[in-house]
Amino acid sequence: MLGFEGLDEPEVLAFEHTAERAGRSEARWESVSWRCTSCGARVTDTGPYGSHPTDVEHGHGEGCARHCADIAAWEQRTGWDQ
């Protein structure tokens, strides 16, 4: 959609594109907010730079399937809790 597919770290590019207002110089945010389509909650996202998903996304509903899947993928990728 934004043309970031196939690039290194597309999630970083997409976040920076959004947080920096598509390269415009007037405002820059340290976080963005969005509505989770899994739990319906408003999530504050500080970007894909942190370690654990709960460190960078705040506000998911209890037991949110999307957030739980992100945590499981992070644990698999990092070998955490093994």
PDB file of N, CA and C in Angstrom:
ATOM      1  N   MET A   1       0.818  -1.189   0.000  1.00  0.00           N
ATOM      2  CA  MET A   1       0.000   0.000   0.000  1.00  0.00           C
ATOM      3  C   MET A   1       0.869   1.264   0.000  1.00  0.00           C
ATOM      4  N   LEU A   2       1.876   1.305   0.873  1.00  0.00           N
ATOM      5  CA  LEU A   2       2.771   2.461   0.915  1.00  0.00           C
ATOM      6  C   LEU A   2       4.009   2.247   0.054  1.00  0.00           C
ATOM      7  N   GLY A   3       4.154   1.043  -0.505  1.00  0.00           N
ATOM      8  CA  GLY A   3       5.300   0.757  -1.345  1.00  0.00           C
ATOM      9  C   GLY A   3       6.527   0.320  -0.577  1.00  0.00           C
ATOM     10  N   PHE A   4       6.362  -0.162   0.663  1.00  0.00           N
ATOM     11  CA  PHE A   4       7.501  -0.565   1.474  1.00  0.00           C
ATOM     12  C   PHE A   4       7.773  -2.065   1.401  1.00  0.00           C
ATOM     13  N   GLU A   5       6.907  -2.826   0.714  1.00  0.00           N
ATOM     14  CA  GLU A   5       7.091  -4.259   0.619  1.00  0.00           C
ATOM     15  C   GLU A   5       8.409  -4.554  -0.089  1.00  0.00           C
ATOM     16  N   GLY A   6       9.098  -5.583   0.382  1.00  0.00           N
ATOM     17  CA  GLY A   6      10.342  -5.988  -0.240  1.00  0.00           C
ATOM     18  C   GLY A   6      11.550  -5.179   0.204  1.00  0.00           C
ATOM     19  N   LEU A   7      11.350  -4.152   0.992  1.00  0.00           N
ATOM     20  CA  LEU A   7      12.460  -3.346   1.498  1.00  0.00           C
ATOM     21  C   LEU A   7      12.907  -3.884   2.851  1.00  0.00           C
ATOM     22  N   ASP A   8      14.122  -3.568   3.251  1.00  0.00           N
ATOM     23  CA  ASP A   8      14.581  -3.944   4.584  1.00  0.00           C
ATOM     24  C   ASP A   8      13.751  -3.208   5.625  1.00  0.00           C
ATOM     25  N   GLU A   9      13.303  -3.926   6.641  1.00  0.00           N
ATOM     26  CA  GLU A   9      12.545  -3.379   7.763  1.00  0.00           C
ATOM     27  C   GLU A   9      11.356  -2.517   7.330  1.00  0.00           C
ATOM     28  N   PRO A  10      10.408  -3.077   6.577  1.00  0.00           N
ATOM     29  CA  PRO A  10       9.260  -2.277   6.132  1.00  0.00           C
ATOM     30  C   PRO A  10       8.447  -1.714   7.282  1.00  0.00           C
ATOM     31  N   GLU A  11       8.425  -2.407   8.444  1.00  0.00           N
ATOM     32  CA  GLU A  11       7.667  -1.892   9.587  1.00  0.00           C
ATOM     33  C   GLU A  11       8.287  -0.603  10.120  1.00  0.00           C
ATOM     34  N   VAL A  12       9.608  -0.489  10.078  1.00  0.00           N
ATOM     35  CA  VAL A  12      10.282   0.737  10.517  1.00  0.00           C
ATOM     36  C   VAL A  12       9.966   1.871   9.551  1.00  0.00           C
ATOM     37  N   LEU A  13      10.062   1.610   8.262  1.00  0.00           N
ATOM     38  CA  LEU A  13       9.770   2.640   7.263  1.00  0.00           C
ATOM     39  C   LEU A  13       8.328   3.114   7.355  1.00  0.00           C
ATOM     40  N   ALA A  14       7.395   2.176   7.543  1.00  0.00           N
ATOM     41  CA  ALA A  14       5.983   2.554   7.641  1.00  0.00           C
ATOM     42  C   ALA A  14       5.731   3.414   8.879  1.00  0.00           C
ATOM     43  N   PHE A  15       6.321   3.040  10.023  1.00  0.00           N
ATOM     44  CA  PHE A  15       6.142   3.835  11.238  1.00  0.00           C
ATOM     45  C   PHE A  15       6.726   5.229  11.060  1.00  0.00           C
ATOM     46  N   GLU A  16       7.934   5.317  10.541  1.00  0.00           N
ATOM     47  CA  GLU A  16       8.563   6.627  10.362  1.00  0.00           C
ATOM     48  C   GLU A  16       7.793   7.483   9.367  1.00  0.00           C
ATOM     49  N   HIS A  17       7.250   6.866   8.330  1.00  0.00           N
ATOM     50  CA  HIS A  17       6.440   7.592   7.353  1.00  0.00           C
ATOM     51  C   HIS A  17       5.223   8.211   8.043  1.00  0.00           C
ATOM     52  N   THR A  18       4.576   7.429   8.913  1.00  0.00           N
ATOM     53  CA  THR A  18       3.392   7.904   9.624  1.00  0.00           C
ATOM     54  C   THR A  18       3.758   8.907  10.714  1.00  0.00           C
ATOM     55  N   ALA A  19       4.718   8.574  11.558  1.00  0.00           N
ATOM     56  CA  ALA A  19       5.076   9.430  12.690  1.00  0.00           C
ATOM     57  C   ALA A  19       5.690  10.746  12.238  1.00  0.00           C
ATOM     58  N   GLU A  20       6.356  10.736  11.113  1.00  0.00           N
ATOM     59  CA  GLU A  20       6.977  11.970  10.624  1.00  0.00           C
ATOM     60  C   GLU A  20       6.118  12.664   9.576  1.00  0.00           C
ATOM     61  N   ARG A  21       4.864  12.255   9.474  1.00  0.00           N
ATOM     62  CA  ARG A  21       3.895  12.877   8.566  1.00  0.00           C
ATOM     63  C   ARG A  21       4.391  12.889   7.132  1.00  0.00           C
ATOM     64  N   ALA A  22       4.819  11.731   6.662  1.00  0.00           N
ATOM     65  CA  ALA A  22       5.217  11.534   5.267  1.00  0.00           C
ATOM     66  C   ALA A  22       6.334  12.479   4.845  1.00  0.00           C
ATOM     67  N   GLY A  23       7.280  12.726   5.733  1.00  0.00           N
ATOM     68  CA  GLY A  23       8.436  13.534   5.392  1.00  0.00           C
ATOM     69  C   GLY A  23       8.261  15.029   5.540  1.00  0.00           C
ATOM     70  N   ARG A  24       7.065  15.480   5.912  1.00  0.00           N
ATOM     71  CA  ARG A  24       6.871  16.921   6.134  1.00  0.00           C
ATOM     72  C   ARG A  24       7.600  17.355   7.388  1.00  0.00           C
ATOM     73  N   SER A  25       8.075  18.558   7.393  1.00  0.00           N
ATOM     74  CA  SER A  25       8.920  18.998   8.499  1.00  0.00           C
ATOM     75  C   SER A  25       8.171  19.620   9.671  1.00  0.00           C
ATOM     76  N   GLU A  26       6.873  19.912   9.549  1.00  0.00           N
ATOM     77  CA  GLU A  26       6.245  20.676  10.622  1.00  0.00           C
ATOM     78  C   GLU A  26       6.091  19.937  11.937  1.00  0.00           C
ATOM     79  N   ALA A  27       5.709  18.702  11.960  1.00  0.00           N
ATOM     80  CA  ALA A  27       5.503  18.030  13.247  1.00  0.00           C
ATOM     81  C   ALA A  27       6.055  16.617  13.209  1.00  0.00           C
ATOM     82  N   ARG A  28       6.531  16.194  14.346  1.00  0.00           N
ATOM     83  CA  ARG A  28       7.002  14.825  14.473  1.00  0.00           C
ATOM     84  C   ARG A  28       6.511  14.293  15.814  1.00  0.00           C
ATOM     85  N   TRP A  29       5.973  13.091  15.784  1.00  0.00           N
ATOM     86  CA  TRP A  29       5.458  12.473  17.003  1.00  0.00           C
ATOM     87  C   TRP A  29       6.364  11.337  17.423  1.00  0.00           C
ATOM     88  N   GLU A  30       6.415  11.117  18.717  1.00  0.00           N
ATOM     89  CA  GLU A  30       7.180   9.989  19.242  1.00  0.00           C
ATOM     90  C   GLU A  30       6.349   8.713  19.234  1.00  0.00           C
ATOM     91  N   SER A  31       5.047   8.850  19.018  1.00  0.00           N
ATOM     92  CA  SER A  31       4.169   7.692  18.970  1.00  0.00           C
ATOM     93  C   SER A  31       2.996   7.987  18.048  1.00  0.00           C
ATOM     94  N   VAL A  32       2.320   6.933  17.674  1.00  0.00           N
ATOM     95  CA  VAL A  32       1.085   7.062  16.908  1.00  0.00           C
ATOM     96  C   VAL A  32       0.020   6.234  17.622  1.00  0.00           C
ATOM     97  N   SER A  33      -1.238   6.536  17.372  1.00  0.00           N
ATOM     98  CA  SER A  33      -2.346   5.771  17.940  1.00  0.00           C
ATOM     99  C   SER A  33      -3.158   5.173  16.814  1.00  0.00           C
ATOM    100  N   TRP A  34      -3.680   4.003  17.053  1.00  0.00           N
ATOM    101  CA  TRP A  34      -4.501   3.321  16.069  1.00  0.00           C
ATOM    102  C   TRP A  34      -5.471   2.392  16.792  1.00  0.00           C
ATOM    103  N   ARG A  35      -6.522   2.005  16.088  1.00  0.00           N
ATOM    104  CA  ARG A  35      -7.534   1.115  16.648  1.00  0.00           C
ATOM    105  C   ARG A  35      -7.192  -0.317  16.242  1.00  0.00           C
ATOM    106  N   CYS A  36      -7.005  -1.192  17.218  1.00  0.00           N
ATOM    107  CA  CYS A  36      -6.683  -2.594  16.945  1.00  0.00           C
ATOM    108  C   CYS A  36      -7.922  -3.285  16.383  1.00  0.00           C
ATOM    109  N   THR A  37      -7.778  -3.908  15.236  1.00  0.00           N
ATOM    110  CA  THR A  37      -8.921  -4.581  14.617  1.00  0.00           C
ATOM    111  C   THR A  37      -9.230  -5.918  15.275  1.00  0.00           C
ATOM    112  N   SER A  38      -8.352  -6.385  16.140  1.00  0.00           N
ATOM    113  CA  SER A  38      -8.593  -7.640  16.833  1.00  0.00           C
ATOM    114  C   SER A  38      -9.390  -7.431  18.121  1.00  0.00           C
ATOM    115  N   CYS A  39      -8.952  -6.486  18.967  1.00  0.00           N
ATOM    116  CA  CYS A  39      -9.627  -6.277  20.258  1.00  0.00           C
ATOM    117  C   CYS A  39     -10.485  -5.017  20.285  1.00  0.00           C
ATOM    118  N   GLY A  40     -10.332  -4.144  19.284  1.00  0.00           N
ATOM    119  CA  GLY A  40     -11.123  -2.920  19.214  1.00  0.00           C
ATOM    120  C   GLY A  40     -10.619  -1.778  20.080  1.00  0.00           C
ATOM    121  N   ALA A  41      -9.520  -2.002  20.799  1.00  0.00           N
ATOM    122  CA  ALA A  41      -8.990  -0.967  21.691  1.00  0.00           C
ATOM    123  C   ALA A  41      -8.107   0.023  20.933  1.00  0.00           C
ATOM    124  N   ARG A  42      -7.975   1.210  21.499  1.00  0.00           N
ATOM    125  CA  ARG A  42      -7.070   2.222  20.946  1.00  0.00           C
ATOM    126  C   ARG A  42      -5.683   1.939  21.506  1.00  0.00           C
ATOM    127  N   VAL A  43      -4.716   1.777  20.601  1.00  0.00           N
ATOM    128  CA  VAL A  43      -3.358   1.398  20.970  1.00  0.00           C
ATOM    129  C   VAL A  43      -2.413   2.560  20.706  1.00  0.00           C
ATOM    130  N   THR A  44      -1.545   2.843  21.655  1.00  0.00           N
ATOM    131  CA  THR A  44      -0.474   3.813  21.469  1.00  0.00           C
ATOM    132  C   THR A  44       0.778   3.019  21.125  1.00  0.00           C
ATOM    133  N   ASP A  45       1.388   3.370  20.011  1.00  0.00           N
ATOM    134  CA  ASP A  45       2.495   2.604  19.449  1.00  0.00           C
ATOM    135  C   ASP A  45       3.718   3.504  19.334  1.00  0.00           C
ATOM    136  N   THR A  46       4.816   3.101  19.977  1.00  0.00           N
ATOM    137  CA  THR A  46       6.046   3.894  19.911  1.00  0.00           C
ATOM    138  C   THR A  46       6.998   3.394  18.838  1.00  0.00           C
ATOM    139  N   GLY A  47       6.508   2.514  17.986  1.00  0.00           N
ATOM    140  CA  GLY A  47       7.313   2.076  16.851  1.00  0.00           C
ATOM    141  C   GLY A  47       7.960   0.724  17.064  1.00  0.00           C
ATOM    142  N   PRO A  48       8.509   0.189  16.000  1.00  0.00           N
ATOM    143  CA  PRO A  48       9.068  -1.161  16.030  1.00  0.00           C
ATOM    144  C   PRO A  48      10.508  -1.207  16.528  1.00  0.00           C
ATOM    145  N   TYR A  49      10.875  -0.306  17.438  1.00  0.00           N
ATOM    146  CA  TYR A  49      12.269  -0.211  17.858  1.00  0.00           C
ATOM    147  C   TYR A  49      12.568  -0.936  19.151  1.00  0.00           C
ATOM    148  N   GLY A  50      11.569  -1.159  19.973  1.00  0.00           N
ATOM    149  CA  GLY A  50      11.791  -1.757  21.284  1.00  0.00           C
ATOM    150  C   GLY A  50      11.958  -3.254  21.206  1.00  0.00           C
ATOM    151  N   SER A  51      12.076  -3.835  22.363  1.00  0.00           N
ATOM    152  CA  SER A  51      12.256  -5.272  22.396  1.00  0.00           C
ATOM    153  C   SER A  51      10.906  -5.985  22.430  1.00  0.00           C
ATOM    154  N   HIS A  52      10.367  -6.156  23.588  1.00  0.00           N
ATOM    155  CA  HIS A  52       9.128  -6.919  23.756  1.00  0.00           C
ATOM    156  C   HIS A  52       7.928  -6.110  23.262  1.00  0.00           C
ATOM    157  N   PRO A  53       6.952  -6.766  22.601  1.00  0.00           N
ATOM    158  CA  PRO A  53       5.777  -6.038  22.095  1.00  0.00           C
ATOM    159  C   PRO A  53       5.034  -5.218  23.153  1.00  0.00           C
ATOM    160  N   THR A  54       5.024  -5.667  24.408  1.00  0.00           N
ATOM    161  CA  THR A  54       4.342  -4.873  25.435  1.00  0.00           C
ATOM    162  C   THR A  54       5.114  -3.607  25.790  1.00  0.00           C
ATOM    163  N   ASP A  55       6.375  -3.516  25.367  1.00  0.00           N
ATOM    164  CA  ASP A  55       7.162  -2.302  25.596  1.00  0.00           C
ATOM    165  C   ASP A  55       6.831  -1.206  24.593  1.00  0.00           C
ATOM    166  N   VAL A  56       6.268  -1.574  23.444  1.00  0.00           N
ATOM    167  CA  VAL A  56       6.058  -0.585  22.379  1.00  0.00           C
ATOM    168  C   VAL A  56       4.595  -0.363  22.000  1.00  0.00           C
ATOM    169  N   GLU A  57       3.702  -1.265  22.403  1.00  0.00           N
ATOM    170  CA  GLU A  57       2.272  -1.111  22.110  1.00  0.00           C
ATOM    171  C   GLU A  57       1.498  -1.164  23.421  1.00  0.00           C
ATOM    172  N   HIS A  58       0.811  -0.074  23.732  1.00  0.00           N
ATOM    173  CA  HIS A  58       0.065   0.021  24.989  1.00  0.00           C
ATOM    174  C   HIS A  58      -1.412   0.243  24.692  1.00  0.00           C
ATOM    175  N   GLY A  59      -2.267  -0.527  25.376  1.00  0.00           N
ATOM    176  CA  GLY A  59      -3.696  -0.303  25.260  1.00  0.00           C
ATOM    177  C   GLY A  59      -4.499  -1.460  24.710  1.00  0.00           C
ATOM    178  N   HIS A  60      -3.851  -2.536  24.277  1.00  0.00           N
ATOM    179  CA  HIS A  60      -4.605  -3.686  23.771  1.00  0.00           C
ATOM    180  C   HIS A  60      -5.523  -4.225  24.859  1.00  0.00           C
ATOM    181  N   GLY A  61      -6.660  -4.778  24.440  1.00  0.00           N
ATOM    182  CA  GLY A  61      -7.582  -5.399  25.371  1.00  0.00           C
ATOM    183  C   GLY A  61      -6.992  -6.674  25.961  1.00  0.00           C
ATOM    184  N   GLU A  62      -7.469  -7.043  27.135  1.00  0.00           N
ATOM    185  CA  GLU A  62      -7.015  -8.259  27.807  1.00  0.00           C
ATOM    186  C   GLU A  62      -7.191  -9.462  26.884  1.00  0.00           C
ATOM    187  N   GLY A  63      -6.126 -10.217  26.659  1.00  0.00           N
ATOM    188  CA  GLY A  63      -6.185 -11.407  25.821  1.00  0.00           C
ATOM    189  C   GLY A  63      -6.301 -11.134  24.335  1.00  0.00           C
ATOM    190  N   CYS A  64      -5.985  -9.934  23.887  1.00  0.00           N
ATOM    191  CA  CYS A  64      -6.075  -9.574  22.466  1.00  0.00           C
ATOM    192  C   CYS A  64      -5.314 -10.592  21.611  1.00  0.00           C
ATOM    193  N   ALA A  65      -6.011 -11.204  20.659  1.00  0.00           N
ATOM    194  CA  ALA A  65      -5.412 -12.241  19.813  1.00  0.00           C
ATOM    195  C   ALA A  65      -4.230 -11.708  19.008  1.00  0.00           C
ATOM    196  N   ARG A  66      -4.344 -10.514  18.473  1.00  0.00           N
ATOM    197  CA  ARG A  66      -3.260  -9.935  17.676  1.00  0.00           C
ATOM    198  C   ARG A  66      -2.027  -9.697  18.534  1.00  0.00           C
ATOM    199  N   HIS A  67      -2.238  -9.098  19.709  1.00  0.00           N
ATOM    200  CA  HIS A  67      -1.117  -8.796  20.601  1.00  0.00           C
ATOM    201  C   HIS A  67      -0.471 -10.088  21.114  1.00  0.00           C
ATOM    202  N   CYS A  68      -1.292 -11.075  21.462  1.00  0.00           N
ATOM    203  CA  CYS A  68      -0.758 -12.365  21.909  1.00  0.00           C
ATOM    204  C   CYS A  68       0.057 -13.026  20.803  1.00  0.00           C
ATOM    205  N   ALA A  69      -0.404 -12.923  19.551  1.00  0.00           N
ATOM    206  CA  ALA A  69       0.340 -13.477  18.415  1.00  0.00           C
ATOM    207  C   ALA A  69       1.664 -12.745  18.221  1.00  0.00           C
ATOM    208  N   ASP A  70       1.666 -11.421  18.397  1.00  0.00           N
ATOM    209  CA  ASP A  70       2.910 -10.645  18.298  1.00  0.00           C
ATOM    210  C   ASP A  70       3.907 -11.075  19.375  1.00  0.00           C
ATOM    211  N   ILE A  71       3.406 -11.299  20.578  1.00  0.00           N
ATOM    212  CA  ILE A  71       4.275 -11.736  21.674  1.00  0.00           C
ATOM    213  C   ILE A  71       4.847 -13.118  21.375  1.00  0.00           C
ATOM    214  N   ALA A  72       3.995 -14.043  20.911  1.00  0.00           N
ATOM    215  CA  ALA A  72       4.458 -15.393  20.577  1.00  0.00           C
ATOM    216  C   ALA A  72       5.503 -15.361  19.459  1.00  0.00           C
ATOM    217  N   ALA A  73       5.284 -14.525  18.444  1.00  0.00           N
ATOM    218  CA  ALA A  73       6.252 -14.401  17.345  1.00  0.00           C
ATOM    219  C   ALA A  73       7.572 -13.828  17.852  1.00  0.00           C
ATOM    220  N   TRP A  74       7.500 -12.841  18.747  1.00  0.00           N
ATOM    221  CA  TRP A  74       8.710 -12.251  19.323  1.00  0.00           C
ATOM    222  C   TRP A  74       9.483 -13.294  20.127  1.00  0.00           C
ATOM    223  N   GLU A  75       8.755 -14.086  20.941  1.00  0.00           N
ATOM    224  CA  GLU A  75       9.403 -15.127  21.739  1.00  0.00           C
ATOM    225  C   GLU A  75      10.072 -16.163  20.846  1.00  0.00           C
ATOM    226  N   GLN A  76       9.413 -16.536  19.757  1.00  0.00           N
ATOM    227  CA  GLN A  76       9.974 -17.497  18.802  1.00  0.00           C
ATOM    228  C   GLN A  76      11.226 -16.922  18.140  1.00  0.00           C
ATOM    229  N   ARG A  77      11.144 -15.684  17.715  1.00  0.00           N
ATOM    230  CA  ARG A  77      12.245 -15.021  17.006  1.00  0.00           C
ATOM    231  C   ARG A  77      13.467 -14.826  17.907  1.00  0.00           C
ATOM    232  N   THR A  78      13.237 -14.484  19.168  1.00  0.00           N
ATOM    233  CA  THR A  78      14.348 -14.162  20.069  1.00  0.00           C
ATOM    234  C   THR A  78      14.817 -15.343  20.908  1.00  0.00           C
ATOM    235  N   GLY A  79      14.008 -16.418  20.952  1.00  0.00           N
ATOM    236  CA  GLY A  79      14.353 -17.552  21.800  1.00  0.00           C
ATOM    237  C   GLY A  79      14.071 -17.307  23.270  1.00  0.00           C
ATOM    238  N   TRP A  80      13.309 -16.250  23.551  1.00  0.00           N
ATOM    239  CA  TRP A  80      12.967 -15.915  24.929  1.00  0.00           C
ATOM    240  C   TRP A  80      12.058 -16.991  25.511  1.00  0.00           C
ATOM    241  N   ASP A  81      12.200 -17.281  26.780  1.00  0.00           N
ATOM    242  CA  ASP A  81      11.392 -18.286  27.493  1.00  0.00           C
ATOM    243  C   ASP A  81      11.614 -19.700  26.979  1.00  0.00           C
ATOM    244  N   GLN A  82      12.786 -19.967  26.450  1.00  0.00           N
ATOM    245  CA  GLN A  82      13.064 -21.342  26.003  1.00  0.00           C
ATOM    246  C   GLN A  82      14.147 -21.950  26.842  1.00  0.00           C
TER     247      GLN A  82
END
